[in-house]
Amino acid sequence: MSDHCCESACGSETAKADPRWRRVLWIALVVNATMFLVEMGAGAAADSRALQADALDFLGDAANYAVSLAVVGMALAWRARAAMLKSLFMLGFAAWVFGSAVLAFVNGASPDPATMGAVGALALAANVGVALMLFRYRTGDANMRSVWICSRNDAIGNVAVMLAALGVFGTGSALPDLIVAAIMALLALTGGVQVLRQARGELRTPELAGQS
C-alpha cells in the first residue's frame, strides 16, 4: 500500500476510535444548518448573490456532515463512496452559483453592503471555529478530507463576502458581489475535484476494492 493510502487508512482508524470526531461533526452540523437559515434570509433581504451562495454552501456542508456521521465506523470503502457523493454536492453547488451570478449580472440589481458585511463577519466566526476543530483531521481519508476542505473553503468565502461588501459600498455596483460569488463557485469546483480524485484513488486500492 502506498504512503498516501496508509496515511488515509491510519487517519480513518484514528477517527473511528476518537469520539471527538463524532462530536465535532455534530457541532459542525448544527452550526452549518443554523447559518444556512441566517444567511439565506439575509441574502434574500440584501439581494446579495454572494450571501445566498454562501448560505447554500452552509446547507451543502450540513448535508456533508450528516453523511459523514452516518458512515463513521464503516469500512473505508464506504466512506470513500460517501466522499464521492459529497464531491458531487460541491460540484453541483459550483454550477448553481455560476448560473445565479450570470442571472444577477443580467438583472443588474445592487445588494445592501451593510447586511453583507455584518452577516459575512458572523459566518466567518462560525466557520473559523468549525475549521479549527477539524484541523487535526485534515490529512485523513477522503471522507475526512472532504469535511476539512468544505470548512476551509467556507472561511475563505466569508472573507471574500466581506471584501465584496466593501466593494459594493465603495462603488455602488453589484459587480464585486458577483465576482465573489464566482470565486466561491471556483473554490467549490476545485475542492470537489480534489475530494473526488482521492475517493476514486481509495476505491481503486486492491485492499479496499472488495470491502462492503
N, C-alpha and C. Protein backbone atom coordinates (compact mmCIF):
# COMPACT_ATOMS: atom_id res chain seq x y z
N MET A 1 0.86 -1.19 0.00
CA MET A 1 0.00 0.00 0.00
C MET A 1 0.89 1.23 0.00
N SER A 2 0.51 2.28 -0.74
CA SER A 2 1.34 3.49 -0.83
C SER A 2 1.28 4.26 0.47
N ASP A 3 2.23 5.21 0.61
CA ASP A 3 2.24 6.04 1.80
C ASP A 3 0.94 6.82 1.92
N HIS A 4 0.43 7.30 0.78
CA HIS A 4 -0.80 8.08 0.79
C HIS A 4 -1.95 7.24 1.33
N CYS A 5 -2.08 6.01 0.84
CA CYS A 5 -3.18 5.16 1.29
C CYS A 5 -3.01 4.79 2.75
N CYS A 6 -1.75 4.56 3.16
CA CYS A 6 -1.50 4.23 4.56
C CYS A 6 -1.91 5.40 5.44
N GLU A 7 -1.57 6.61 4.99
CA GLU A 7 -1.92 7.79 5.76
C GLU A 7 -3.42 7.92 5.88
N SER A 8 -4.15 7.66 4.79
CA SER A 8 -5.60 7.76 4.81
C SER A 8 -6.19 6.72 5.74
N ALA A 9 -5.71 5.47 5.64
CA ALA A 9 -6.25 4.40 6.46
C ALA A 9 -5.98 4.67 7.93
N CYS A 10 -4.74 5.09 8.24
CA CYS A 10 -4.39 5.35 9.63
C CYS A 10 -5.24 6.49 10.19
N GLY A 11 -5.42 7.54 9.37
CA GLY A 11 -6.23 8.67 9.81
C GLY A 11 -7.66 8.26 10.05
N SER A 12 -8.21 7.40 9.17
CA SER A 12 -9.60 6.99 9.33
C SER A 12 -9.78 6.12 10.56
N GLU A 13 -8.80 5.24 10.84
CA GLU A 13 -8.91 4.40 12.03
C GLU A 13 -8.85 5.25 13.29
N THR A 14 -8.01 6.32 13.25
CA THR A 14 -7.94 7.21 14.39
C THR A 14 -9.29 7.86 14.64
N ALA A 15 -9.95 8.29 13.54
CA ALA A 15 -11.25 8.93 13.66
C ALA A 15 -12.28 7.97 14.22
N LYS A 16 -12.26 6.69 13.78
CA LYS A 16 -13.23 5.71 14.25
C LYS A 16 -13.10 5.52 15.76
N ALA A 17 -11.85 5.57 16.26
CA ALA A 17 -11.61 5.31 17.67
C ALA A 17 -11.72 6.58 18.51
N ASP A 18 -11.87 7.73 17.88
CA ASP A 18 -11.86 9.01 18.58
C ASP A 18 -13.28 9.56 18.67
N PRO A 19 -13.89 9.55 19.86
CA PRO A 19 -15.25 10.09 19.99
C PRO A 19 -15.32 11.57 19.70
N ARG A 20 -14.16 12.27 19.75
CA ARG A 20 -14.16 13.70 19.45
C ARG A 20 -14.51 13.97 18.00
N TRP A 21 -14.17 13.03 17.10
CA TRP A 21 -14.51 13.21 15.67
C TRP A 21 -16.01 13.29 15.49
N ARG A 22 -16.75 12.37 16.11
CA ARG A 22 -18.21 12.39 16.00
C ARG A 22 -18.78 13.65 16.65
N ARG A 23 -18.23 14.05 17.80
CA ARG A 23 -18.72 15.25 18.49
C ARG A 23 -18.48 16.51 17.65
N VAL A 24 -17.31 16.58 17.03
CA VAL A 24 -17.01 17.73 16.17
C VAL A 24 -17.97 17.78 14.99
N LEU A 25 -18.27 16.62 14.41
CA LEU A 25 -19.20 16.58 13.29
C LEU A 25 -20.59 17.06 13.69
N TRP A 26 -21.07 16.67 14.87
CA TRP A 26 -22.37 17.12 15.34
C TRP A 26 -22.39 18.64 15.53
N ILE A 27 -21.33 19.17 16.12
CA ILE A 27 -21.25 20.63 16.31
C ILE A 27 -21.25 21.34 14.96
N ALA A 28 -20.45 20.82 14.02
CA ALA A 28 -20.37 21.42 12.69
C ALA A 28 -21.72 21.35 11.98
N LEU A 29 -22.43 20.26 12.15
CA LEU A 29 -23.75 20.10 11.52
C LEU A 29 -24.72 21.16 12.04
N VAL A 30 -24.78 21.33 13.35
CA VAL A 30 -25.70 22.31 13.94
C VAL A 30 -25.33 23.73 13.52
N VAL A 31 -24.04 24.06 13.56
CA VAL A 31 -23.59 25.40 13.17
C VAL A 31 -23.93 25.70 11.72
N ASN A 32 -23.68 24.75 10.84
CA ASN A 32 -23.93 24.98 9.41
C ASN A 32 -25.42 25.07 9.09
N ALA A 33 -26.23 24.24 9.73
CA ALA A 33 -27.68 24.31 9.49
C ALA A 33 -28.24 25.64 9.97
N THR A 34 -27.76 26.12 11.12
CA THR A 34 -28.22 27.41 11.64
C THR A 34 -27.80 28.56 10.74
N MET A 35 -26.54 28.52 10.28
CA MET A 35 -26.05 29.61 9.44
C MET A 35 -26.70 29.60 8.06
N PHE A 36 -27.13 28.44 7.59
CA PHE A 36 -27.89 28.40 6.33
C PHE A 36 -29.15 29.24 6.45
N LEU A 37 -29.90 29.05 7.54
CA LEU A 37 -31.14 29.80 7.73
C LEU A 37 -30.87 31.30 7.86
N VAL A 38 -29.83 31.66 8.63
CA VAL A 38 -29.49 33.07 8.83
C VAL A 38 -29.07 33.72 7.51
N GLU A 39 -28.16 33.07 6.79
CA GLU A 39 -27.63 33.69 5.58
C GLU A 39 -28.63 33.70 4.42
N MET A 40 -29.45 32.68 4.32
CA MET A 40 -30.44 32.67 3.24
C MET A 40 -31.44 33.80 3.42
N GLY A 41 -31.88 34.01 4.67
CA GLY A 41 -32.79 35.13 4.93
C GLY A 41 -32.13 36.47 4.69
N ALA A 42 -30.88 36.61 5.17
CA ALA A 42 -30.16 37.87 4.98
C ALA A 42 -29.82 38.10 3.51
N GLY A 43 -29.48 37.05 2.79
CA GLY A 43 -29.14 37.19 1.37
C GLY A 43 -30.34 37.64 0.56
N ALA A 44 -31.52 37.09 0.90
CA ALA A 44 -32.73 37.50 0.19
C ALA A 44 -33.08 38.95 0.51
N ALA A 45 -32.91 39.34 1.79
CA ALA A 45 -33.24 40.71 2.20
C ALA A 45 -32.27 41.72 1.58
N ALA A 46 -30.99 41.34 1.48
CA ALA A 46 -29.98 42.24 0.94
C ALA A 46 -29.84 42.14 -0.56
N ASP A 47 -30.49 41.14 -1.18
CA ASP A 47 -30.38 40.88 -2.62
C ASP A 47 -28.92 40.62 -3.01
N SER A 48 -28.25 39.83 -2.15
CA SER A 48 -26.84 39.52 -2.38
C SER A 48 -26.67 38.09 -2.86
N ARG A 49 -26.12 37.92 -4.05
CA ARG A 49 -25.87 36.59 -4.58
C ARG A 49 -24.74 35.90 -3.81
N ALA A 50 -23.77 36.68 -3.35
CA ALA A 50 -22.67 36.09 -2.59
C ALA A 50 -23.17 35.50 -1.28
N LEU A 51 -24.07 36.22 -0.58
CA LEU A 51 -24.63 35.70 0.67
C LEU A 51 -25.50 34.48 0.41
N GLN A 52 -26.30 34.51 -0.64
CA GLN A 52 -27.14 33.36 -0.95
C GLN A 52 -26.30 32.15 -1.34
N ALA A 53 -25.23 32.40 -2.07
CA ALA A 53 -24.32 31.31 -2.44
C ALA A 53 -23.68 30.72 -1.20
N ASP A 54 -23.27 31.60 -0.27
CA ASP A 54 -22.64 31.11 0.96
C ASP A 54 -23.65 30.35 1.80
N ALA A 55 -24.92 30.80 1.79
CA ALA A 55 -25.97 30.10 2.53
C ALA A 55 -26.17 28.69 1.99
N LEU A 56 -26.20 28.55 0.67
CA LEU A 56 -26.35 27.22 0.08
C LEU A 56 -25.12 26.36 0.37
N ASP A 57 -23.97 27.00 0.47
CA ASP A 57 -22.77 26.26 0.83
C ASP A 57 -22.91 25.72 2.25
N PHE A 58 -23.46 26.53 3.16
CA PHE A 58 -23.71 26.05 4.52
C PHE A 58 -24.66 24.85 4.50
N LEU A 59 -25.70 24.91 3.66
CA LEU A 59 -26.65 23.81 3.57
C LEU A 59 -25.96 22.54 3.05
N GLY A 60 -25.14 22.71 2.00
CA GLY A 60 -24.41 21.57 1.47
C GLY A 60 -23.47 20.97 2.50
N ASP A 61 -22.81 21.83 3.28
CA ASP A 61 -21.90 21.34 4.30
C ASP A 61 -22.65 20.60 5.40
N ALA A 62 -23.83 21.11 5.78
CA ALA A 62 -24.62 20.42 6.79
C ALA A 62 -24.97 19.01 6.31
N ALA A 63 -25.33 18.91 5.04
CA ALA A 63 -25.62 17.59 4.47
C ALA A 63 -24.37 16.71 4.47
N ASN A 64 -23.22 17.33 4.15
CA ASN A 64 -21.96 16.59 4.15
C ASN A 64 -21.64 16.03 5.54
N TYR A 65 -21.84 16.85 6.57
CA TYR A 65 -21.55 16.40 7.93
C TYR A 65 -22.51 15.29 8.34
N ALA A 66 -23.77 15.39 7.90
CA ALA A 66 -24.73 14.33 8.21
C ALA A 66 -24.30 13.01 7.57
N VAL A 67 -23.83 13.08 6.32
CA VAL A 67 -23.34 11.88 5.64
C VAL A 67 -22.12 11.32 6.37
N SER A 68 -21.21 12.20 6.77
CA SER A 68 -20.01 11.76 7.49
C SER A 68 -20.38 11.07 8.79
N LEU A 69 -21.36 11.60 9.51
CA LEU A 69 -21.80 10.95 10.75
C LEU A 69 -22.40 9.58 10.47
N ALA A 70 -23.10 9.47 9.35
CA ALA A 70 -23.76 8.20 9.02
C ALA A 70 -22.75 7.10 8.73
N VAL A 71 -21.56 7.46 8.21
CA VAL A 71 -20.60 6.43 7.81
C VAL A 71 -19.44 6.26 8.79
N VAL A 72 -19.45 7.01 9.89
CA VAL A 72 -18.40 6.82 10.90
C VAL A 72 -18.45 5.38 11.39
N GLY A 73 -17.30 4.70 11.40
CA GLY A 73 -17.22 3.32 11.85
C GLY A 73 -17.41 2.30 10.74
N MET A 74 -17.83 2.75 9.56
CA MET A 74 -17.98 1.83 8.44
C MET A 74 -16.63 1.58 7.78
N ALA A 75 -16.59 0.62 6.86
CA ALA A 75 -15.36 0.32 6.14
C ALA A 75 -14.91 1.53 5.33
N LEU A 76 -13.59 1.64 5.11
CA LEU A 76 -13.04 2.77 4.38
C LEU A 76 -13.64 2.89 2.99
N ALA A 77 -13.94 1.76 2.35
CA ALA A 77 -14.53 1.81 1.01
C ALA A 77 -15.86 2.55 1.02
N TRP A 78 -16.68 2.34 2.06
CA TRP A 78 -17.97 3.01 2.15
C TRP A 78 -17.77 4.49 2.43
N ARG A 79 -16.77 4.82 3.24
CA ARG A 79 -16.51 6.24 3.50
C ARG A 79 -16.01 6.93 2.24
N ALA A 80 -15.25 6.20 1.42
CA ALA A 80 -14.80 6.77 0.15
C ALA A 80 -15.99 7.02 -0.77
N ARG A 81 -16.96 6.10 -0.78
CA ARG A 81 -18.15 6.30 -1.60
C ARG A 81 -18.94 7.51 -1.11
N ALA A 82 -19.01 7.68 0.21
CA ALA A 82 -19.70 8.85 0.76
C ALA A 82 -18.98 10.13 0.35
N ALA A 83 -17.65 10.09 0.34
CA ALA A 83 -16.88 11.26 -0.08
C ALA A 83 -17.16 11.60 -1.55
N MET A 84 -17.31 10.58 -2.38
CA MET A 84 -17.64 10.82 -3.78
C MET A 84 -18.99 11.52 -3.90
N LEU A 85 -19.96 11.09 -3.09
CA LEU A 85 -21.27 11.73 -3.10
C LEU A 85 -21.16 13.19 -2.68
N LYS A 86 -20.36 13.45 -1.66
CA LYS A 86 -20.19 14.81 -1.19
C LYS A 86 -19.48 15.67 -2.22
N SER A 87 -18.55 15.08 -2.96
CA SER A 87 -17.87 15.86 -4.01
C SER A 87 -18.86 16.28 -5.08
N LEU A 88 -19.86 15.46 -5.34
CA LEU A 88 -20.88 15.83 -6.32
C LEU A 88 -21.74 16.98 -5.79
N PHE A 89 -21.98 17.01 -4.47
CA PHE A 89 -22.68 18.15 -3.88
C PHE A 89 -21.89 19.43 -4.13
N MET A 90 -20.58 19.36 -3.92
CA MET A 90 -19.73 20.54 -4.09
C MET A 90 -19.72 21.01 -5.55
N LEU A 91 -19.67 20.07 -6.48
CA LEU A 91 -19.67 20.43 -7.89
C LEU A 91 -21.03 21.01 -8.30
N GLY A 92 -22.11 20.44 -7.75
CA GLY A 92 -23.43 20.97 -8.04
C GLY A 92 -23.60 22.39 -7.50
N PHE A 93 -23.06 22.64 -6.30
CA PHE A 93 -23.08 23.98 -5.73
C PHE A 93 -22.35 24.96 -6.64
N ALA A 94 -21.21 24.56 -7.16
CA ALA A 94 -20.44 25.43 -8.05
C ALA A 94 -21.26 25.80 -9.29
N ALA A 95 -21.94 24.82 -9.86
CA ALA A 95 -22.74 25.08 -11.05
C ALA A 95 -23.88 26.05 -10.74
N TRP A 96 -24.54 25.87 -9.58
CA TRP A 96 -25.64 26.76 -9.22
C TRP A 96 -25.16 28.20 -9.05
N VAL A 97 -24.02 28.37 -8.38
CA VAL A 97 -23.52 29.72 -8.13
C VAL A 97 -23.15 30.43 -9.43
N PHE A 98 -22.50 29.71 -10.34
CA PHE A 98 -22.16 30.33 -11.63
C PHE A 98 -23.43 30.78 -12.35
N GLY A 99 -24.44 29.93 -12.36
CA GLY A 99 -25.69 30.29 -13.03
C GLY A 99 -26.38 31.46 -12.37
N SER A 100 -26.39 31.49 -11.03
CA SER A 100 -27.02 32.58 -10.30
C SER A 100 -26.30 33.90 -10.55
N ALA A 101 -24.96 33.85 -10.61
CA ALA A 101 -24.19 35.08 -10.85
C ALA A 101 -24.48 35.64 -12.23
N VAL A 102 -24.62 34.76 -13.21
CA VAL A 102 -24.92 35.22 -14.57
C VAL A 102 -26.29 35.90 -14.62
N LEU A 103 -27.29 35.30 -13.97
CA LEU A 103 -28.64 35.89 -13.94
C LEU A 103 -28.63 37.24 -13.23
N ALA A 104 -27.89 37.33 -12.11
CA ALA A 104 -27.83 38.58 -11.37
C ALA A 104 -27.14 39.67 -12.19
N PHE A 105 -26.13 39.28 -12.96
CA PHE A 105 -25.44 40.25 -13.82
C PHE A 105 -26.39 40.82 -14.87
N VAL A 106 -27.24 39.96 -15.40
CA VAL A 106 -28.22 40.40 -16.40
C VAL A 106 -29.24 41.35 -15.77
N ASN A 107 -29.69 41.03 -14.54
CA ASN A 107 -30.70 41.86 -13.88
C ASN A 107 -30.12 43.18 -13.39
N GLY A 108 -28.86 43.16 -12.98
CA GLY A 108 -28.17 44.40 -12.60
C GLY A 108 -28.56 44.99 -11.25
N ALA A 109 -29.14 44.20 -10.33
CA ALA A 109 -29.52 44.71 -9.02
C ALA A 109 -28.29 44.85 -8.13
N SER A 110 -28.29 45.91 -7.26
CA SER A 110 -27.16 46.13 -6.35
C SER A 110 -27.53 45.72 -4.93
N PRO A 111 -26.73 44.87 -4.27
CA PRO A 111 -27.07 44.39 -2.92
C PRO A 111 -26.79 45.43 -1.84
N ASP A 112 -27.25 45.15 -0.61
CA ASP A 112 -27.03 46.02 0.53
C ASP A 112 -25.70 45.66 1.20
N PRO A 113 -24.71 46.55 1.13
CA PRO A 113 -23.37 46.20 1.65
C PRO A 113 -23.33 46.04 3.17
N ALA A 114 -24.16 46.79 3.91
CA ALA A 114 -24.13 46.71 5.38
C ALA A 114 -24.54 45.31 5.85
N THR A 115 -25.62 44.80 5.28
CA THR A 115 -26.07 43.45 5.64
C THR A 115 -25.04 42.41 5.23
N MET A 116 -24.48 42.58 4.03
CA MET A 116 -23.45 41.65 3.57
C MET A 116 -22.28 41.59 4.54
N GLY A 117 -21.79 42.76 4.97
CA GLY A 117 -20.63 42.80 5.85
C GLY A 117 -20.92 42.19 7.22
N ALA A 118 -22.06 42.52 7.81
CA ALA A 118 -22.40 42.03 9.15
C ALA A 118 -22.60 40.52 9.16
N VAL A 119 -23.37 40.02 8.19
CA VAL A 119 -23.63 38.58 8.15
C VAL A 119 -22.37 37.83 7.72
N GLY A 120 -21.57 38.41 6.85
CA GLY A 120 -20.32 37.78 6.45
C GLY A 120 -19.38 37.61 7.64
N ALA A 121 -19.34 38.62 8.53
CA ALA A 121 -18.48 38.53 9.72
C ALA A 121 -18.98 37.44 10.66
N LEU A 122 -20.30 37.34 10.83
CA LEU A 122 -20.87 36.28 11.67
C LEU A 122 -20.55 34.90 11.10
N ALA A 123 -20.71 34.76 9.79
CA ALA A 123 -20.42 33.48 9.14
C ALA A 123 -18.94 33.12 9.26
N LEU A 124 -18.08 34.13 9.15
CA LEU A 124 -16.64 33.88 9.27
C LEU A 124 -16.30 33.35 10.66
N ALA A 125 -16.87 33.95 11.70
CA ALA A 125 -16.61 33.49 13.06
C ALA A 125 -17.06 32.04 13.23
N ALA A 126 -18.24 31.71 12.67
CA ALA A 126 -18.74 30.34 12.78
C ALA A 126 -17.83 29.36 12.06
N ASN A 127 -17.41 29.71 10.85
CA ASN A 127 -16.59 28.79 10.06
C ASN A 127 -15.18 28.64 10.59
N VAL A 128 -14.60 29.71 11.12
CA VAL A 128 -13.25 29.60 11.69
C VAL A 128 -13.28 28.67 12.90
N GLY A 129 -14.33 28.79 13.71
CA GLY A 129 -14.45 27.90 14.86
C GLY A 129 -14.54 26.44 14.45
N VAL A 130 -15.37 26.16 13.43
CA VAL A 130 -15.50 24.78 12.94
C VAL A 130 -14.19 24.30 12.32
N ALA A 131 -13.55 25.15 11.52
CA ALA A 131 -12.30 24.76 10.86
C ALA A 131 -11.21 24.43 11.88
N LEU A 132 -11.14 25.19 12.97
CA LEU A 132 -10.14 24.91 14.00
C LEU A 132 -10.39 23.55 14.64
N MET A 133 -11.65 23.20 14.85
CA MET A 133 -11.96 21.88 15.43
C MET A 133 -11.60 20.75 14.47
N LEU A 134 -11.72 21.01 13.16
CA LEU A 134 -11.48 19.97 12.17
C LEU A 134 -10.03 19.90 11.70
N PHE A 135 -9.21 20.85 12.10
CA PHE A 135 -7.85 20.97 11.55
C PHE A 135 -7.03 19.69 11.75
N ARG A 136 -7.17 19.05 12.87
CA ARG A 136 -6.37 17.85 13.16
C ARG A 136 -6.73 16.68 12.27
N TYR A 137 -7.90 16.71 11.63
CA TYR A 137 -8.35 15.59 10.79
C TYR A 137 -8.16 15.85 9.29
N ARG A 138 -7.42 16.91 8.94
CA ARG A 138 -7.33 17.33 7.54
C ARG A 138 -6.57 16.35 6.66
N THR A 139 -5.74 15.46 7.24
CA THR A 139 -4.94 14.54 6.44
C THR A 139 -5.46 13.11 6.50
N GLY A 140 -6.71 12.92 6.89
CA GLY A 140 -7.27 11.58 6.97
C GLY A 140 -7.74 11.07 5.61
N ASP A 141 -8.71 10.15 5.63
CA ASP A 141 -9.21 9.59 4.38
C ASP A 141 -10.02 10.63 3.61
N ALA A 142 -10.54 10.23 2.44
CA ALA A 142 -11.23 11.18 1.57
C ALA A 142 -12.44 11.79 2.25
N ASN A 143 -13.13 10.98 3.05
CA ASN A 143 -14.31 11.48 3.75
C ASN A 143 -13.92 12.58 4.75
N MET A 144 -12.87 12.33 5.54
CA MET A 144 -12.39 13.32 6.49
C MET A 144 -11.85 14.55 5.78
N ARG A 145 -11.11 14.32 4.69
CA ARG A 145 -10.53 15.44 3.95
C ARG A 145 -11.63 16.32 3.36
N SER A 146 -12.72 15.72 2.91
CA SER A 146 -13.80 16.50 2.31
C SER A 146 -14.42 17.44 3.35
N VAL A 147 -14.52 16.96 4.59
CA VAL A 147 -15.06 17.80 5.66
C VAL A 147 -14.15 18.99 5.91
N TRP A 148 -12.84 18.74 5.97
CA TRP A 148 -11.88 19.81 6.19
C TRP A 148 -11.91 20.81 5.04
N ILE A 149 -11.92 20.34 3.79
CA ILE A 149 -11.91 21.23 2.63
C ILE A 149 -13.14 22.12 2.62
N CYS A 150 -14.30 21.55 2.95
CA CYS A 150 -15.53 22.35 2.99
C CYS A 150 -15.40 23.49 4.00
N SER A 151 -14.91 23.18 5.19
CA SER A 151 -14.78 24.20 6.23
C SER A 151 -13.75 25.26 5.86
N ARG A 152 -12.64 24.83 5.28
CA ARG A 152 -11.61 25.77 4.84
C ARG A 152 -12.15 26.70 3.77
N ASN A 153 -12.85 26.15 2.79
CA ASN A 153 -13.42 26.97 1.72
C ASN A 153 -14.45 27.95 2.25
N ASP A 154 -15.22 27.52 3.25
CA ASP A 154 -16.23 28.39 3.82
C ASP A 154 -15.59 29.63 4.45
N ALA A 155 -14.52 29.43 5.22
CA ALA A 155 -13.85 30.56 5.87
C ALA A 155 -13.29 31.52 4.82
N ILE A 156 -12.67 30.98 3.77
CA ILE A 156 -12.16 31.83 2.70
C ILE A 156 -13.31 32.59 2.03
N GLY A 157 -14.42 31.89 1.80
CA GLY A 157 -15.57 32.52 1.17
C GLY A 157 -16.15 33.64 2.01
N ASN A 158 -16.15 33.48 3.34
CA ASN A 158 -16.68 34.53 4.21
C ASN A 158 -15.83 35.79 4.15
N VAL A 159 -14.51 35.63 4.12
CA VAL A 159 -13.63 36.79 3.96
C VAL A 159 -13.92 37.48 2.63
N ALA A 160 -14.13 36.69 1.60
CA ALA A 160 -14.43 37.26 0.29
C ALA A 160 -15.76 38.01 0.29
N VAL A 161 -16.76 37.51 1.01
CA VAL A 161 -18.05 38.20 1.10
C VAL A 161 -17.88 39.56 1.77
N MET A 162 -17.07 39.62 2.81
CA MET A 162 -16.84 40.89 3.50
C MET A 162 -16.11 41.87 2.59
N LEU A 163 -15.16 41.38 1.80
CA LEU A 163 -14.47 42.24 0.84
C LEU A 163 -15.44 42.72 -0.24
N ALA A 164 -16.36 41.84 -0.64
CA ALA A 164 -17.36 42.23 -1.63
C ALA A 164 -18.26 43.32 -1.08
N ALA A 165 -18.59 43.23 0.21
CA ALA A 165 -19.42 44.27 0.84
C ALA A 165 -18.72 45.63 0.77
N LEU A 166 -17.42 45.63 1.02
CA LEU A 166 -16.66 46.88 0.90
C LEU A 166 -16.67 47.38 -0.54
N GLY A 167 -16.52 46.45 -1.48
CA GLY A 167 -16.52 46.83 -2.89
C GLY A 167 -17.85 47.41 -3.33
N VAL A 168 -18.95 46.79 -2.89
CA VAL A 168 -20.28 47.29 -3.24
C VAL A 168 -20.51 48.66 -2.61
N PHE A 169 -20.08 48.82 -1.35
CA PHE A 169 -20.23 50.10 -0.67
C PHE A 169 -19.45 51.20 -1.37
N GLY A 170 -18.24 50.89 -1.81
CA GLY A 170 -17.39 51.90 -2.43
C GLY A 170 -17.78 52.26 -3.85
N THR A 171 -18.34 51.30 -4.58
CA THR A 171 -18.64 51.52 -5.99
C THR A 171 -20.13 51.68 -6.30
N GLY A 172 -20.98 51.17 -5.40
CA GLY A 172 -22.41 51.19 -5.68
C GLY A 172 -22.82 50.22 -6.77
N SER A 173 -21.91 49.33 -7.13
CA SER A 173 -22.14 48.36 -8.20
C SER A 173 -22.31 46.96 -7.62
N ALA A 174 -23.03 46.12 -8.34
CA ALA A 174 -23.20 44.73 -7.92
C ALA A 174 -22.02 43.86 -8.34
N LEU A 175 -21.12 44.42 -9.13
CA LEU A 175 -20.03 43.61 -9.69
C LEU A 175 -19.17 42.92 -8.63
N PRO A 176 -18.75 43.61 -7.53
CA PRO A 176 -17.96 42.90 -6.51
C PRO A 176 -18.69 41.70 -5.92
N ASP A 177 -19.99 41.83 -5.71
CA ASP A 177 -20.79 40.72 -5.19
C ASP A 177 -20.77 39.54 -6.15
N LEU A 178 -20.89 39.82 -7.43
CA LEU A 178 -20.91 38.76 -8.43
C LEU A 178 -19.54 38.10 -8.59
N ILE A 179 -18.49 38.92 -8.49
CA ILE A 179 -17.13 38.37 -8.60
C ILE A 179 -16.87 37.39 -7.45
N VAL A 180 -17.28 37.78 -6.24
CA VAL A 180 -17.08 36.91 -5.08
C VAL A 180 -17.88 35.63 -5.23
N ALA A 181 -19.12 35.74 -5.73
CA ALA A 181 -19.92 34.54 -5.94
C ALA A 181 -19.21 33.59 -6.90
N ALA A 182 -18.58 34.15 -7.94
CA ALA A 182 -17.86 33.32 -8.91
C ALA A 182 -16.63 32.67 -8.26
N ILE A 183 -15.94 33.42 -7.39
CA ILE A 183 -14.77 32.87 -6.69
C ILE A 183 -15.19 31.71 -5.79
N MET A 184 -16.31 31.88 -5.10
CA MET A 184 -16.81 30.81 -4.23
C MET A 184 -17.16 29.56 -5.04
N ALA A 185 -17.71 29.79 -6.23
CA ALA A 185 -18.01 28.66 -7.10
C ALA A 185 -16.73 27.94 -7.52
N LEU A 186 -15.68 28.72 -7.80
CA LEU A 186 -14.40 28.12 -8.18
C LEU A 186 -13.81 27.30 -7.03
N LEU A 187 -13.92 27.81 -5.80
CA LEU A 187 -13.44 27.07 -4.64
C LEU A 187 -14.18 25.73 -4.51
N ALA A 188 -15.51 25.78 -4.68
CA ALA A 188 -16.28 24.55 -4.59
C ALA A 188 -15.90 23.59 -5.70
N LEU A 189 -15.64 24.12 -6.88
CA LEU A 189 -15.26 23.27 -8.01
C LEU A 189 -13.93 22.57 -7.75
N THR A 190 -12.91 23.34 -7.35
CA THR A 190 -11.59 22.74 -7.12
C THR A 190 -11.62 21.78 -5.93
N GLY A 191 -12.35 22.15 -4.86
CA GLY A 191 -12.45 21.26 -3.71
C GLY A 191 -13.15 19.96 -4.06
N GLY A 192 -14.22 20.05 -4.85
CA GLY A 192 -14.95 18.86 -5.26
C GLY A 192 -14.09 17.93 -6.08
N VAL A 193 -13.29 18.50 -6.97
CA VAL A 193 -12.40 17.69 -7.81
C VAL A 193 -11.35 17.00 -6.96
N GLN A 194 -10.78 17.71 -5.96
CA GLN A 194 -9.77 17.10 -5.08
C GLN A 194 -10.34 15.90 -4.33
N VAL A 195 -11.52 16.10 -3.74
CA VAL A 195 -12.13 15.02 -2.97
C VAL A 195 -12.49 13.84 -3.87
N LEU A 196 -13.02 14.13 -5.05
CA LEU A 196 -13.40 13.08 -5.99
C LEU A 196 -12.20 12.24 -6.39
N ARG A 197 -11.07 12.90 -6.67
CA ARG A 197 -9.86 12.18 -7.06
C ARG A 197 -9.35 11.28 -5.94
N GLN A 198 -9.33 11.81 -4.70
CA GLN A 198 -8.83 10.99 -3.60
C GLN A 198 -9.77 9.81 -3.33
N ALA A 199 -11.08 10.05 -3.39
CA ALA A 199 -12.03 8.96 -3.14
C ALA A 199 -11.91 7.88 -4.20
N ARG A 200 -11.76 8.26 -5.46
CA ARG A 200 -11.60 7.27 -6.53
C ARG A 200 -10.31 6.49 -6.35
N GLY A 201 -9.24 7.20 -5.90
CA GLY A 201 -7.98 6.50 -5.66
C GLY A 201 -8.11 5.48 -4.54
N GLU A 202 -8.84 5.82 -3.48
CA GLU A 202 -9.03 4.88 -2.38
C GLU A 202 -9.83 3.66 -2.82
N LEU A 203 -10.83 3.89 -3.67
CA LEU A 203 -11.65 2.77 -4.13
C LEU A 203 -10.89 1.85 -5.08
N ARG A 204 -9.84 2.37 -5.72
CA ARG A 204 -9.05 1.54 -6.63
C ARG A 204 -8.04 0.68 -5.88
N THR A 205 -7.78 0.98 -4.60
CA THR A 205 -6.80 0.22 -3.83
C THR A 205 -7.26 -1.22 -3.70
N PRO A 206 -6.44 -2.21 -4.08
CA PRO A 206 -6.88 -3.63 -4.05
C PRO A 206 -7.42 -4.06 -2.69
N GLU A 207 -6.80 -3.57 -1.60
CA GLU A 207 -7.24 -3.99 -0.27
C GLU A 207 -8.64 -3.50 0.06
N LEU A 208 -9.08 -2.42 -0.64
CA LEU A 208 -10.37 -1.83 -0.33
C LEU A 208 -11.44 -2.18 -1.34
N ALA A 209 -11.02 -2.64 -2.51
CA ALA A 209 -11.98 -2.84 -3.59
C ALA A 209 -13.08 -3.83 -3.22
N GLY A 210 -12.76 -4.81 -2.38
CA GLY A 210 -13.77 -5.79 -2.03
C GLY A 210 -14.52 -5.50 -0.75
N GLN A 211 -14.25 -4.36 -0.11
CA GLN A 211 -14.93 -4.05 1.14
C GLN A 211 -16.38 -3.67 0.88
N SER A 212 -17.23 -3.95 1.82
CA SER A 212 -18.65 -3.59 1.70
C SER A 212 -19.15 -3.12 3.04
